Protein backbone atom coordinates (compact mmCIF):
# COMPACT_ATOMS: atom_id res chain seq x y z
CA MET A 1 3.32 -1.39 -11.46
CA TYR A 2 0.87 1.51 -11.59
CA ARG A 3 3.00 3.61 -9.26
CA PHE A 4 6.12 2.73 -11.24
CA SER A 5 4.40 3.92 -14.42
CA ILE A 6 3.83 7.29 -12.73
CA GLU A 7 7.33 7.57 -11.28
CA LYS A 8 9.28 6.40 -14.34
CA PRO A 9 8.77 9.49 -16.58
CA LYS A 10 10.05 11.81 -13.83
CA GLN A 11 13.67 12.87 -13.65
CA ASP A 12 15.53 10.40 -11.46
CA VAL A 13 16.17 13.00 -8.76
CA ASN A 14 12.41 13.72 -8.55
CA ARG A 15 11.34 10.07 -8.24
CA ASP A 16 10.52 8.41 -4.97
CA ALA A 17 13.74 6.69 -3.85
CA ALA A 18 12.29 3.20 -4.29
CA TYR A 19 11.57 3.95 -7.96
CA GLN A 20 14.85 5.59 -8.91
CA GLU A 21 16.75 4.08 -11.82
CA ARG A 22 19.30 2.43 -9.54
CA ASN A 23 16.45 0.22 -8.25
CA TRP A 24 14.86 -0.76 -11.56
CA SER A 25 16.71 -4.06 -11.88
CA ARG A 26 15.77 -4.88 -8.28
CA LEU A 27 12.12 -4.08 -9.03
CA LYS A 28 12.17 -6.33 -12.09
CA ASP A 29 13.88 -9.12 -10.18
CA SER A 30 11.29 -8.90 -7.41
CA GLN A 31 8.48 -9.23 -9.95
CA GLU A 32 10.12 -12.29 -11.45
CA ARG A 33 10.64 -13.86 -8.01
CA ALA A 34 7.08 -13.01 -7.02
CA GLN A 35 5.79 -15.45 -9.61
CA ARG A 36 6.68 -18.34 -7.29
CA THR A 37 4.53 -17.02 -4.46
CA LEU A 38 1.65 -15.31 -6.24
CA SER A 39 -1.63 -17.03 -5.52
CA PRO A 40 -4.91 -15.66 -6.86
CA LYS A 41 -6.77 -18.02 -4.54
CA ALA A 42 -4.94 -16.75 -1.44
CA ASP A 43 -5.18 -13.11 -2.59
CA ARG A 44 -8.91 -13.48 -3.16
CA ALA A 45 -9.41 -15.01 0.30
CA LEU A 46 -7.41 -12.23 1.95
CA MET A 47 -9.30 -9.56 0.02
CA LYS A 48 -12.63 -11.13 0.94
CA TYR A 49 -11.64 -11.14 4.62
CA THR A 50 -10.51 -7.51 4.44
CA LEU A 51 -13.60 -6.39 2.55
CA ALA A 52 -15.81 -7.85 5.27
CA ASP A 53 -14.22 -5.34 7.67
CA VAL A 54 -14.33 -2.52 5.11
CA ALA A 55 -18.06 -3.07 4.62
CA LYS A 56 -18.66 -2.55 8.36
CA LEU A 57 -17.01 0.87 8.53
CA PRO A 58 -19.30 3.65 9.81
CA ALA A 59 -20.29 6.55 7.58
CA GLY A 60 -17.46 8.87 8.68
CA GLN A 61 -14.77 6.27 8.01
CA ARG A 62 -15.88 4.90 4.63
CA ILE A 63 -13.38 4.36 1.84
CA GLU A 64 -15.33 6.10 -0.90
CA VAL A 65 -13.32 4.62 -3.75
CA LEU A 66 -14.08 1.08 -2.60
CA ASP A 67 -17.73 1.90 -1.92
CA LYS A 68 -18.01 3.13 -5.50
CA GLU A 69 -16.02 0.26 -7.05
CA ILE A 70 -17.66 -2.53 -5.06
CA GLY A 71 -21.11 -1.17 -4.33
CA PHE A 72 -20.81 -0.94 -0.56
CA ALA A 73 -22.83 1.55 1.47
CA PRO A 74 -22.99 2.40 5.17
CA GLY A 75 -25.31 0.07 7.03
CA LEU A 76 -25.31 -2.63 4.34
CA PRO A 77 -26.28 -5.87 6.10
CA GLU A 78 -23.34 -8.27 6.52
CA ALA A 79 -24.87 -11.00 4.32
CA ASP A 80 -25.60 -8.51 1.53
CA ALA A 81 -22.09 -7.04 1.81
CA ALA A 82 -20.61 -10.53 1.48
CA LYS A 83 -22.64 -11.20 -1.68
CA VAL A 84 -21.66 -7.85 -3.20
CA ALA A 85 -18.00 -8.44 -2.31
CA ASP A 86 -18.03 -11.95 -3.78
CA ALA A 87 -19.54 -10.74 -7.04
CA TRP A 88 -17.01 -7.91 -7.26
CA LEU A 89 -14.09 -10.23 -6.46
CA ASP A 90 -15.26 -12.67 -9.16
CA LYS A 91 -15.22 -9.82 -11.66
CA LEU A 92 -11.89 -8.45 -10.37
CA PHE A 93 -10.03 -11.75 -10.64
CA ALA A 94 -11.65 -12.73 -13.95
CA GLY A 95 -10.59 -9.39 -15.46
CA THR A 96 -6.89 -9.46 -14.63
CA LYS A 97 -3.75 -10.86 -16.19
CA ILE A 98 -1.54 -9.55 -13.38
CA TYR A 99 -0.76 -13.11 -12.28
CA ASP A 100 0.83 -13.80 -15.67
CA LYS A 101 4.56 -13.10 -15.38
CA ASP A 102 5.02 -12.05 -19.03
CA PHE A 103 2.17 -9.57 -18.76
CA ARG A 104 3.50 -8.16 -15.49
CA MET A 105 7.02 -7.85 -16.85
CA SER A 106 5.75 -6.05 -19.96
CA LEU A 107 4.30 -3.34 -17.73
CA PHE A 108 7.77 -2.03 -16.85
CA ASP A 109 7.94 -0.37 -20.24
CA THR A 110 4.32 0.77 -20.35
CA ALA A 111 3.25 4.38 -19.92
CA THR A 112 0.51 5.07 -17.39
CA VAL A 113 -2.05 5.91 -20.08
CA ASP A 114 -1.32 2.63 -21.88
CA LEU A 115 -1.36 0.71 -18.64
CA VAL A 116 -4.85 2.03 -17.89
CA ALA A 117 -5.89 1.30 -21.48
CA THR A 118 -5.28 -2.42 -20.88
CA GLN A 119 -8.49 -2.30 -18.81
CA ASP A 120 -6.97 -4.95 -16.56
CA SER A 121 -9.21 -4.97 -13.49
CA MET A 122 -6.36 -4.99 -10.96
CA LEU A 123 -4.62 -2.11 -12.68
CA THR A 124 -7.90 -0.21 -12.89
CA LEU A 125 -8.33 -0.74 -9.14
CA ALA A 126 -4.76 0.42 -8.52
CA ALA A 127 -5.45 3.58 -10.53
CA ALA A 128 -8.65 4.23 -8.58
CA LEU A 129 -6.89 3.75 -5.23
CA TYR A 130 -3.75 5.70 -6.16
CA PRO A 131 -4.94 9.17 -5.03
CA LEU A 132 -5.96 7.77 -1.64
CA GLN A 133 -2.66 5.91 -1.34
CA GLU A 134 -0.73 9.08 -2.15
CA ALA A 135 -2.71 11.11 0.39
CA ILE A 136 -1.93 8.51 3.07
CA ARG A 137 1.74 8.46 2.04
CA GLU A 138 2.00 12.25 2.26
CA LYS A 139 0.33 12.26 5.68
CA SER A 140 2.77 9.59 6.84
CA LYS A 141 5.72 11.65 5.59
CA GLU A 142 4.42 14.65 7.55
CA GLY A 143 4.18 12.51 10.70
CA SER A 144 7.68 11.15 10.17
CA GLY A 145 9.02 14.67 9.69
CA ALA A 146 7.43 15.79 12.93
CA MET A 147 8.95 12.82 14.75
CA TYR A 148 12.41 13.66 13.38
CA ARG A 149 12.02 17.23 14.58
CA LEU A 150 10.54 16.38 17.96
CA GLY A 151 12.59 13.28 18.75
CA PRO A 152 15.82 14.94 19.98
CA PRO A 153 14.15 17.52 22.26
CA TYR A 154 11.88 14.79 23.63
CA ALA A 155 14.88 12.53 24.38
CA GLU A 156 16.69 15.44 26.06
CA ALA A 157 13.64 16.16 28.21
CA LEU A 158 13.42 12.50 29.26
CA LEU A 159 17.11 12.47 30.14
CA ALA A 160 16.82 15.71 32.11
CA LYS A 161 13.82 14.38 34.03
CA GLY A 162 15.60 11.14 34.80
CA GLY A 163 18.68 12.87 36.13
CA GLY A 164 20.79 12.65 33.03
CA TRP A 165 22.66 9.92 31.29
CA SER A 166 25.87 8.22 32.34
CA ARG A 167 28.24 5.83 30.57
CA ARG A 168 29.25 4.08 33.78
CA THR A 169 28.07 0.56 34.33
CA PRO A 170 25.80 0.01 37.31
CA THR A 171 27.38 -1.90 40.14
CA PRO A 172 25.84 -5.27 40.99
CA ARG A 173 23.47 -5.29 43.94
CA SER A 174 24.58 -7.18 46.98
CA ALA A 175 22.41 -10.02 48.13
């Protein structure tokens, strides 16, 4: 919803393909369908499990946004990290209405500034993580672009090394 609020004001041609106007009804339908499978209890358990790994990251691999939001620090003992994560998760889930379908659906027509003004804890987290998410997305696009450029010459080199490619069917081996 946060990303949609950023993409929506752009001209359709400048939006990420998934957020172009042709997909808006699909996005809304997916949010309505999601209501049947949303589970704060399951989400909390998955986040707790993930945060246990995040807390163990060494100094050079820390996710600064989460360290700041949660209160993690490099070298935090596992038991202390679990307590900090539990307290943060309690606050996160108590401060959100994202599991309420009507609230979620109302966000489709909400500007980013108004979305942030709701002070919903999940939306606040999404806003805090957005720059990191975008940096990762851009890096991924660069990698994909390189693969598109390098793929054909790589395939040609493999074919040349293997003696070429033939459409004929191999003959069965005799026993």
